[in-house]
Amino acid sequence: MARKSFASLILLLVLLATASASLTEVRQDFLNQTATFAPTSVMTAPTADGSYLVTVYLDQSAGGTVAATIGWTDENGNQQTFPVLGGSACFAVRLKANTSLTVATTGTVSGSYNLLSLAWASGTRS
């Protein structure tokens, strides 16, 4: 059994080493924000429909009630939103070509807040 597992591991490592897939990261940070903001693009719009893994982290001073909303247009042309009420969130989106992922904030700011957004796409972006 150990020999079969070892052979499977070697095969997996060879496949990973020879794979030609790539991973594209898009990052937009909004640091030390003292006011909420309207929908803002966090990436250049891709020229083809694509799947993205999106991570958002919201850190705010005590007493703040800031919430973030991630917005996008799916491959069917429907507007989609995902709320982030604090802390972090990770979710998948299917983004329509020539549209962009956006982020907006609402609520009450107490002091300042940081909003970090990351999106990853596999393959190449056109």
C-alpha atoms as a PDB file:
ATOM      1  CA  MET A   1       0.000   0.000   0.000  1.00  0.00           C
ATOM      2  CA  ALA A   2       2.848   2.388   0.847  1.00  0.00           C
ATOM      3  CA  ARG A   3       4.437   1.727  -2.553  1.00  0.00           C
ATOM      4  CA  LYS A   4       1.168   2.653  -4.351  1.00  0.00           C
ATOM      5  CA  SER A   5       0.837   5.862  -2.316  1.00  0.00           C
ATOM      6  CA  PHE A   6       4.439   6.792  -3.041  1.00  0.00           C
ATOM      7  CA  ALA A   7       3.932   6.180  -6.776  1.00  0.00           C
ATOM      8  CA  SER A   8       0.785   8.330  -6.717  1.00  0.00           C
ATOM      9  CA  LEU A   9       2.681  11.114  -4.957  1.00  0.00           C
ATOM     10  CA  ILE A  10       5.493  11.001  -7.535  1.00  0.00           C
ATOM     11  CA  LEU A  11       2.965  11.113 -10.390  1.00  0.00           C
ATOM     12  CA  LEU A  12       1.236  14.115  -8.807  1.00  0.00           C
ATOM     13  CA  LEU A  13       4.546  15.955  -8.368  1.00  0.00           C
ATOM     14  CA  VAL A  14       5.523  15.303 -11.999  1.00  0.00           C
ATOM     15  CA  LEU A  15       2.154  16.578 -13.227  1.00  0.00           C
ATOM     16  CA  LEU A  16       2.409  19.706 -11.085  1.00  0.00           C
ATOM     17  CA  ALA A  17       5.959  20.389 -12.233  1.00  0.00           C
ATOM     18  CA  THR A  18       5.049  20.122 -15.917  1.00  0.00           C
ATOM     19  CA  ALA A  19       1.676  21.891 -15.812  1.00  0.00           C
ATOM     20  CA  SER A  20       1.471  25.144 -17.757  1.00  0.00           C
ATOM     21  CA  ALA A  21      -1.320  26.777 -15.767  1.00  0.00           C
ATOM     22  CA  SER A  22      -0.705  30.131 -14.192  1.00  0.00           C
ATOM     23  CA  LEU A  23      -2.302  32.083 -11.381  1.00  0.00           C
ATOM     24  CA  THR A  24      -2.972  35.814 -11.679  1.00  0.00           C
ATOM     25  CA  GLU A  25      -3.365  37.921  -8.540  1.00  0.00           C
ATOM     26  CA  VAL A  26      -5.146  41.264  -8.440  1.00  0.00           C
ATOM     27  CA  ARG A  27      -4.854  43.295  -5.245  1.00  0.00           C
ATOM     28  CA  GLN A  28      -6.320  46.634  -4.205  1.00  0.00           C
ATOM     29  CA  ASP A  29      -5.852  48.000  -0.683  1.00  0.00           C
ATOM     30  CA  PHE A  30      -7.782  50.891   0.833  1.00  0.00           C
ATOM     31  CA  LEU A  31      -5.706  51.830   3.865  1.00  0.00           C
ATOM     32  CA  ASN A  32      -6.471  54.331   6.654  1.00  0.00           C
ATOM     33  CA  GLN A  33      -9.859  55.297   5.200  1.00  0.00           C
ATOM     34  CA  THR A  34     -11.713  57.942   7.223  1.00  0.00           C
ATOM     35  CA  ALA A  35     -14.903  58.034   5.123  1.00  0.00           C
ATOM     36  CA  THR A  36     -17.024  55.560   3.194  1.00  0.00           C
ATOM     37  CA  PHE A  37     -16.709  55.450  -0.594  1.00  0.00           C
ATOM     38  CA  ALA A  38     -18.854  54.757  -3.678  1.00  0.00           C
ATOM     39  CA  PRO A  39     -18.327  51.678  -5.902  1.00  0.00           C
ATOM     40  CA  THR A  40     -14.704  51.639  -7.034  1.00  0.00           C
ATOM     41  CA  SER A  41     -13.141  49.248  -9.535  1.00  0.00           C
ATOM     42  CA  VAL A  42     -10.492  46.972  -8.047  1.00  0.00           C
ATOM     43  CA  MET A  43      -9.157  45.582 -11.325  1.00  0.00           C
ATOM     44  CA  THR A  44      -8.883  46.125 -15.050  1.00  0.00           C
ATOM     45  CA  ALA A  45     -11.837  44.547 -16.811  1.00  0.00           C
ATOM     46  CA  PRO A  46     -10.875  41.240 -18.490  1.00  0.00           C
ATOM     47  CA  THR A  47     -11.667  40.781 -22.201  1.00  0.00           C
ATOM     48  CA  ALA A  48     -13.095  37.279 -21.647  1.00  0.00           C
ATOM     49  CA  ASP A  49     -15.464  35.817 -19.050  1.00  0.00           C
ATOM     50  CA  GLY A  50     -13.484  34.491 -16.109  1.00  0.00           C
ATOM     51  CA  SER A  51     -13.714  32.810 -12.726  1.00  0.00           C
ATOM     52  CA  TYR A  52     -12.135  34.508  -9.725  1.00  0.00           C
ATOM     53  CA  LEU A  53     -11.590  33.615  -6.098  1.00  0.00           C
ATOM     54  CA  VAL A  54     -12.106  36.824  -4.122  1.00  0.00           C
ATOM     55  CA  THR A  55     -10.912  37.520  -0.577  1.00  0.00           C
ATOM     56  CA  VAL A  56     -11.835  40.647   1.355  1.00  0.00           C
ATOM     57  CA  TYR A  57     -10.591  41.724   4.781  1.00  0.00           C
ATOM     58  CA  LEU A  58     -12.169  44.631   6.679  1.00  0.00           C
ATOM     59  CA  ASP A  59     -10.464  45.967   9.810  1.00  0.00           C
ATOM     60  CA  GLN A  60     -11.913  48.949  11.649  1.00  0.00           C
ATOM     61  CA  SER A  61     -11.549  50.920  14.859  1.00  0.00           C
ATOM     62  CA  ALA A  62     -13.790  50.150  17.823  1.00  0.00           C
ATOM     63  CA  GLY A  63     -17.211  51.723  17.427  1.00  0.00           C
ATOM     64  CA  GLY A  64     -17.171  51.702  13.615  1.00  0.00           C
ATOM     65  CA  THR A  65     -19.993  50.060  11.686  1.00  0.00           C
ATOM     66  CA  VAL A  66     -18.447  50.044   8.220  1.00  0.00           C
ATOM     67  CA  ALA A  67     -19.614  47.331   5.823  1.00  0.00           C
ATOM     68  CA  ALA A  68     -18.230  46.599   2.373  1.00  0.00           C
ATOM     69  CA  THR A  69     -20.154  45.441  -0.671  1.00  0.00           C
ATOM     70  CA  ILE A  70     -18.415  43.644  -3.518  1.00  0.00           C
ATOM     71  CA  GLY A  71     -20.204  43.995  -6.849  1.00  0.00           C
ATOM     72  CA  TRP A  72     -19.824  42.344 -10.254  1.00  0.00           C
ATOM     73  CA  THR A  73     -21.699  41.364 -13.401  1.00  0.00           C
ATOM     74  CA  ASP A  74     -21.935  37.612 -13.929  1.00  0.00           C
ATOM     75  CA  GLU A  75     -21.534  35.862 -17.298  1.00  0.00           C
ATOM     76  CA  ASN A  76     -25.314  36.140 -17.877  1.00  0.00           C
ATOM     77  CA  GLY A  77     -25.273  39.928 -17.468  1.00  0.00           C
ATOM     78  CA  ASN A  78     -26.882  39.892 -13.993  1.00  0.00           C
ATOM     79  CA  GLN A  79     -25.654  42.304 -11.317  1.00  0.00           C
ATOM     80  CA  GLN A  80     -24.427  40.456  -8.214  1.00  0.00           C
ATOM     81  CA  THR A  81     -23.353  41.703  -4.782  1.00  0.00           C
ATOM     82  CA  PHE A  82     -21.723  40.141  -1.732  1.00  0.00           C
ATOM     83  CA  PRO A  83     -21.766  41.944   1.642  1.00  0.00           C
ATOM     84  CA  VAL A  84     -18.797  41.922   4.026  1.00  0.00           C
ATOM     85  CA  LEU A  85     -19.957  43.149   7.420  1.00  0.00           C
ATOM     86  CA  GLY A  86     -16.585  42.935   9.139  1.00  0.00           C
ATOM     87  CA  GLY A  87     -13.717  40.522   9.437  1.00  0.00           C
ATOM     88  CA  SER A  88     -13.016  38.580   6.282  1.00  0.00           C
ATOM     89  CA  ALA A  89     -14.812  36.735   3.509  1.00  0.00           C
ATOM     90  CA  CYS A  90     -13.745  34.464   0.677  1.00  0.00           C
ATOM     91  CA  PHE A  91     -16.003  33.573  -2.248  1.00  0.00           C
ATOM     92  CA  ALA A  92     -15.976  32.680  -5.947  1.00  0.00           C
ATOM     93  CA  VAL A  93     -17.356  34.869  -8.744  1.00  0.00           C
ATOM     94  CA  ARG A  94     -17.867  34.397 -12.472  1.00  0.00           C
ATOM     95  CA  LEU A  95     -17.095  37.775 -14.054  1.00  0.00           C
ATOM     96  CA  LYS A  96     -18.468  38.855 -17.438  1.00  0.00           C
ATOM     97  CA  ALA A  97     -16.002  40.074 -20.048  1.00  0.00           C
ATOM     98  CA  ASN A  98     -15.387  43.822 -20.159  1.00  0.00           C
ATOM     99  CA  THR A  99     -16.824  44.369 -16.666  1.00  0.00           C
ATOM    100  CA  SER A 100     -14.973  44.866 -13.423  1.00  0.00           C
ATOM    101  CA  LEU A 101     -15.149  43.787  -9.814  1.00  0.00           C
ATOM    102  CA  THR A 102     -16.062  46.750  -7.584  1.00  0.00           C
ATOM    103  CA  VAL A 103     -16.053  47.501  -3.867  1.00  0.00           C
ATOM    104  CA  ALA A 104     -18.033  50.125  -1.948  1.00  0.00           C
ATOM    105  CA  THR A 105     -18.376  50.904   1.747  1.00  0.00           C
ATOM    106  CA  THR A 106     -21.280  52.150   3.862  1.00  0.00           C
ATOM    107  CA  GLY A 107     -21.886  52.765   7.547  1.00  0.00           C
ATOM    108  CA  THR A 108     -20.339  54.883  10.263  1.00  0.00           C
ATOM    109  CA  VAL A 109     -16.593  55.383  10.455  1.00  0.00           C
ATOM    110  CA  SER A 110     -15.060  55.710  13.911  1.00  0.00           C
ATOM    111  CA  GLY A 111     -11.416  56.650  13.503  1.00  0.00           C
ATOM    112  CA  SER A 112     -10.287  54.806  10.394  1.00  0.00           C
ATOM    113  CA  TYR A 113     -10.566  51.456   8.659  1.00  0.00           C
ATOM    114  CA  ASN A 114      -8.586  49.261   6.270  1.00  0.00           C
ATOM    115  CA  LEU A 115     -10.105  47.266   3.452  1.00  0.00           C
ATOM    116  CA  LEU A 116      -7.930  44.743   1.619  1.00  0.00           C
ATOM    117  CA  SER A 117      -9.213  43.005  -1.499  1.00  0.00           C
ATOM    118  CA  LEU A 118      -7.561  40.191  -3.425  1.00  0.00           C
ATOM    119  CA  ALA A 119      -8.757  38.276  -6.465  1.00  0.00           C
ATOM    120  CA  TRP A 120      -7.117  35.286  -8.095  1.00  0.00           C
ATOM    121  CA  ALA A 121      -7.805  33.872 -11.543  1.00  0.00           C
ATOM    122  CA  SER A 122      -6.348  30.709 -12.983  1.00  0.00           C
ATOM    123  CA  GLY A 123      -5.005  30.741 -16.527  1.00  0.00           C
ATOM    124  CA  THR A 124      -4.169  33.937 -18.332  1.00  0.00           C
ATOM    125  CA  ARG A 125      -6.236  37.109 -18.389  1.00  0.00           C
ATOM    126  CA  SER A 126      -6.780  38.721 -21.762  1.00  0.00           C
END
